[in-house]
N, C-alpha and C. Protein backbone atom coordinates (compact mmCIF):
# COMPACT_ATOMS: atom_id res chain seq x y z
N MET A 1 0.85 -1.17 0.00
CA MET A 1 0.00 0.00 0.00
C MET A 1 0.89 1.24 0.00
N PHE A 2 0.42 2.28 -0.66
CA PHE A 2 1.15 3.54 -0.76
C PHE A 2 0.45 4.61 0.08
N TYR A 3 1.26 5.48 0.67
CA TYR A 3 0.75 6.59 1.47
C TYR A 3 1.43 7.88 1.04
N CYS A 4 0.68 8.98 1.09
CA CYS A 4 1.27 10.28 0.79
C CYS A 4 0.46 11.38 1.49
N GLN A 5 1.07 12.52 1.59
CA GLN A 5 0.41 13.69 2.17
C GLN A 5 -0.53 14.27 1.11
N LYS A 6 -1.76 14.53 1.48
CA LYS A 6 -2.73 15.10 0.55
C LYS A 6 -2.33 16.52 0.17
N PHE A 7 -2.74 16.95 -1.01
CA PHE A 7 -2.37 18.27 -1.52
C PHE A 7 -2.88 19.41 -0.65
N ASP A 8 -3.96 19.19 0.09
CA ASP A 8 -4.55 20.27 0.87
C ASP A 8 -4.23 20.18 2.36
N THR A 9 -3.21 19.38 2.71
CA THR A 9 -2.80 19.28 4.11
C THR A 9 -1.41 19.86 4.29
N PHE A 10 -1.18 20.33 5.50
CA PHE A 10 0.11 20.90 5.85
C PHE A 10 0.57 20.28 7.16
N ILE A 11 1.82 19.89 7.20
CA ILE A 11 2.38 19.23 8.38
C ILE A 11 3.48 20.11 8.95
N ARG A 12 3.45 20.26 10.26
CA ARG A 12 4.50 20.98 10.98
C ARG A 12 4.91 20.14 12.18
N ILE A 13 6.19 20.16 12.46
CA ILE A 13 6.71 19.46 13.64
C ILE A 13 7.26 20.53 14.57
N TYR A 14 6.74 20.58 15.78
CA TYR A 14 7.18 21.52 16.80
C TYR A 14 7.71 20.73 17.98
N ASP A 15 9.03 20.81 18.21
CA ASP A 15 9.68 20.04 19.28
C ASP A 15 9.29 18.57 19.15
N ASP A 16 8.53 18.05 20.09
CA ASP A 16 8.16 16.63 20.07
C ASP A 16 6.70 16.41 19.68
N VAL A 17 6.08 17.40 19.08
CA VAL A 17 4.66 17.31 18.74
C VAL A 17 4.49 17.55 17.25
N GLY A 18 3.59 16.78 16.64
CA GLY A 18 3.27 16.96 15.24
C GLY A 18 1.93 17.65 15.09
N TYR A 19 1.82 18.50 14.07
CA TYR A 19 0.59 19.23 13.80
C TYR A 19 0.26 19.04 12.33
N ILE A 20 -0.98 18.66 12.06
CA ILE A 20 -1.43 18.49 10.68
C ILE A 20 -2.73 19.27 10.52
N ALA A 21 -2.79 20.04 9.44
CA ALA A 21 -3.97 20.86 9.18
C ALA A 21 -4.47 20.58 7.76
N ASN A 22 -5.78 20.50 7.62
CA ASN A 22 -6.42 20.30 6.33
C ASN A 22 -7.04 21.63 5.91
N LYS A 23 -6.53 22.19 4.83
CA LYS A 23 -6.96 23.50 4.36
C LYS A 23 -8.38 23.48 3.78
N SER A 24 -8.78 22.37 3.20
CA SER A 24 -10.07 22.34 2.51
C SER A 24 -11.26 22.30 3.47
N ASP A 25 -11.10 21.64 4.62
CA ASP A 25 -12.24 21.59 5.56
C ASP A 25 -11.91 22.21 6.92
N PHE A 26 -10.76 22.88 6.98
CA PHE A 26 -10.34 23.63 8.18
C PHE A 26 -10.23 22.76 9.43
N SER A 27 -9.93 21.48 9.25
CA SER A 27 -9.73 20.60 10.40
C SER A 27 -8.24 20.55 10.71
N ASP A 28 -7.94 20.18 11.95
CA ASP A 28 -6.54 20.03 12.33
C ASP A 28 -6.42 19.00 13.43
N ARG A 29 -5.18 18.63 13.69
CA ARG A 29 -4.92 17.61 14.70
C ARG A 29 -3.50 17.77 15.21
N VAL A 30 -3.34 17.53 16.50
CA VAL A 30 -2.03 17.47 17.13
C VAL A 30 -1.78 16.01 17.46
N VAL A 31 -0.56 15.55 17.18
CA VAL A 31 -0.23 14.15 17.43
C VAL A 31 0.98 14.06 18.36
N SER A 32 1.15 12.90 18.95
CA SER A 32 2.21 12.63 19.91
C SER A 32 3.59 12.64 19.25
N GLN A 33 4.59 12.38 20.07
CA GLN A 33 5.97 12.35 19.59
C GLN A 33 6.18 11.28 18.53
N SER A 34 5.64 10.09 18.74
CA SER A 34 5.79 9.04 17.71
C SER A 34 5.00 9.41 16.46
N GLY A 35 3.83 10.00 16.62
CA GLY A 35 3.06 10.47 15.47
C GLY A 35 3.82 11.54 14.70
N ALA A 36 4.53 12.40 15.41
CA ALA A 36 5.34 13.44 14.76
C ALA A 36 6.42 12.80 13.89
N VAL A 37 7.02 11.72 14.38
CA VAL A 37 8.03 11.00 13.59
C VAL A 37 7.38 10.44 12.32
N PHE A 38 6.23 9.82 12.47
CA PHE A 38 5.54 9.24 11.31
C PHE A 38 5.15 10.32 10.30
N LEU A 39 4.74 11.49 10.79
CA LEU A 39 4.42 12.60 9.89
C LEU A 39 5.67 13.14 9.20
N SER A 40 6.78 13.16 9.91
CA SER A 40 8.00 13.76 9.37
C SER A 40 8.55 13.00 8.15
N VAL A 41 8.24 11.73 8.03
CA VAL A 41 8.74 10.94 6.88
C VAL A 41 7.74 10.92 5.72
N LEU A 42 6.56 11.42 5.95
CA LEU A 42 5.52 11.45 4.92
C LEU A 42 5.78 12.63 3.98
N SER A 43 5.50 12.45 2.71
CA SER A 43 5.67 13.53 1.74
C SER A 43 4.50 13.49 0.75
N ARG A 44 4.51 14.41 -0.16
CA ARG A 44 3.44 14.46 -1.17
C ARG A 44 3.63 13.39 -2.25
N GLN A 45 4.81 12.79 -2.31
CA GLN A 45 5.05 11.68 -3.23
C GLN A 45 4.66 10.38 -2.53
N ALA A 46 3.92 9.55 -3.23
CA ALA A 46 3.48 8.28 -2.65
C ALA A 46 4.68 7.40 -2.34
N GLN A 47 4.64 6.79 -1.15
CA GLN A 47 5.70 5.89 -0.71
C GLN A 47 5.06 4.62 -0.16
N GLU A 48 5.76 3.53 -0.33
CA GLU A 48 5.27 2.27 0.21
C GLU A 48 5.43 2.24 1.72
N LEU A 49 4.60 1.45 2.36
CA LEU A 49 4.63 1.33 3.81
C LEU A 49 6.01 0.88 4.30
N ASP A 50 6.64 -0.05 3.58
CA ASP A 50 7.97 -0.52 3.99
C ASP A 50 9.00 0.60 3.98
N GLU A 51 8.93 1.47 3.00
CA GLU A 51 9.86 2.60 2.91
C GLU A 51 9.63 3.58 4.06
N LEU A 52 8.37 3.88 4.35
CA LEU A 52 8.05 4.78 5.45
C LEU A 52 8.47 4.18 6.80
N THR A 53 8.30 2.88 6.94
CA THR A 53 8.72 2.20 8.17
C THR A 53 10.23 2.27 8.32
N LYS A 54 10.95 2.05 7.24
CA LYS A 54 12.41 2.10 7.28
C LYS A 54 12.89 3.49 7.70
N LYS A 55 12.30 4.53 7.13
CA LYS A 55 12.67 5.90 7.49
C LYS A 55 12.33 6.19 8.94
N SER A 56 11.20 5.72 9.39
CA SER A 56 10.80 5.94 10.79
C SER A 56 11.72 5.19 11.75
N ALA A 57 12.13 3.99 11.37
CA ALA A 57 12.97 3.16 12.24
C ALA A 57 14.30 3.83 12.55
N GLU A 58 14.78 4.68 11.65
CA GLU A 58 16.04 5.39 11.88
C GLU A 58 15.94 6.35 13.06
N LYS A 59 14.72 6.70 13.46
CA LYS A 59 14.52 7.68 14.53
C LYS A 59 14.13 7.05 15.86
N PHE A 60 14.02 5.73 15.88
CA PHE A 60 13.70 4.99 17.10
C PHE A 60 14.85 4.06 17.46
N VAL A 61 14.99 3.80 18.73
CA VAL A 61 16.05 2.91 19.21
C VAL A 61 15.41 1.67 19.84
N GLY A 62 15.89 0.50 19.43
CA GLY A 62 15.49 -0.74 20.07
C GLY A 62 14.06 -1.16 19.84
N ILE A 63 13.52 -0.90 18.66
CA ILE A 63 12.15 -1.33 18.37
C ILE A 63 12.18 -2.34 17.22
N ASP A 64 11.38 -3.36 17.36
CA ASP A 64 11.24 -4.39 16.34
C ASP A 64 10.58 -3.77 15.10
N VAL A 65 11.15 -4.03 13.94
CA VAL A 65 10.66 -3.41 12.69
C VAL A 65 9.22 -3.82 12.39
N GLU A 66 8.87 -5.07 12.65
CA GLU A 66 7.49 -5.52 12.38
C GLU A 66 6.49 -4.81 13.30
N THR A 67 6.87 -4.61 14.55
CA THR A 67 6.01 -3.87 15.48
C THR A 67 5.85 -2.44 15.01
N LEU A 68 6.95 -1.83 14.60
CA LEU A 68 6.91 -0.46 14.11
C LEU A 68 6.05 -0.36 12.86
N LYS A 69 6.17 -1.33 11.97
CA LYS A 69 5.38 -1.34 10.74
C LYS A 69 3.89 -1.36 11.05
N ARG A 70 3.48 -2.17 12.02
CA ARG A 70 2.06 -2.20 12.42
C ARG A 70 1.62 -0.84 12.97
N ASP A 71 2.49 -0.22 13.78
CA ASP A 71 2.15 1.08 14.36
C ASP A 71 2.06 2.17 13.29
N VAL A 72 2.99 2.14 12.35
CA VAL A 72 2.99 3.12 11.25
C VAL A 72 1.71 2.96 10.43
N LYS A 73 1.37 1.74 10.08
CA LYS A 73 0.16 1.48 9.28
C LYS A 73 -1.08 1.93 10.04
N LYS A 74 -1.15 1.60 11.31
CA LYS A 74 -2.30 1.99 12.12
C LYS A 74 -2.45 3.52 12.16
N PHE A 75 -1.33 4.22 12.32
CA PHE A 75 -1.35 5.69 12.37
C PHE A 75 -1.85 6.28 11.05
N TYR A 76 -1.25 5.87 9.94
CA TYR A 76 -1.66 6.41 8.64
C TYR A 76 -3.11 6.03 8.30
N ASP A 77 -3.52 4.82 8.63
CA ASP A 77 -4.90 4.40 8.37
C ASP A 77 -5.88 5.25 9.21
N MET A 78 -5.47 5.59 10.43
CA MET A 78 -6.31 6.44 11.28
C MET A 78 -6.49 7.83 10.64
N LEU A 79 -5.40 8.38 10.11
CA LEU A 79 -5.50 9.69 9.44
C LEU A 79 -6.39 9.61 8.21
N GLU A 80 -6.26 8.52 7.47
CA GLU A 80 -7.08 8.34 6.27
C GLU A 80 -8.56 8.22 6.64
N THR A 81 -8.86 7.47 7.68
CA THR A 81 -10.23 7.28 8.12
C THR A 81 -10.84 8.61 8.58
N ASP A 82 -10.02 9.41 9.27
CA ASP A 82 -10.49 10.72 9.73
C ASP A 82 -10.47 11.77 8.63
N ASP A 83 -9.95 11.37 7.45
CA ASP A 83 -9.90 12.23 6.26
C ASP A 83 -9.07 13.48 6.47
N LEU A 84 -7.93 13.31 7.15
CA LEU A 84 -6.98 14.43 7.28
C LEU A 84 -5.87 14.29 6.30
């Protein structure tokens, strides 16, 4: 599966917090430190889940890649479901 940042969303990382805003429906969300990492590797170009997991894994210490992959997928799927 491929994931990318939608054209009408904007992502900002402030210290350990991630912020994502949707310009078209004026919604926004603040995410945790791990969510901020997952947002930081996302771009407007579609990327496979494995690639996003690999990039995210570089920012975590001592985590199993398969566990991280499940967490990354769950996070992105949650954003998709909420339509952000």
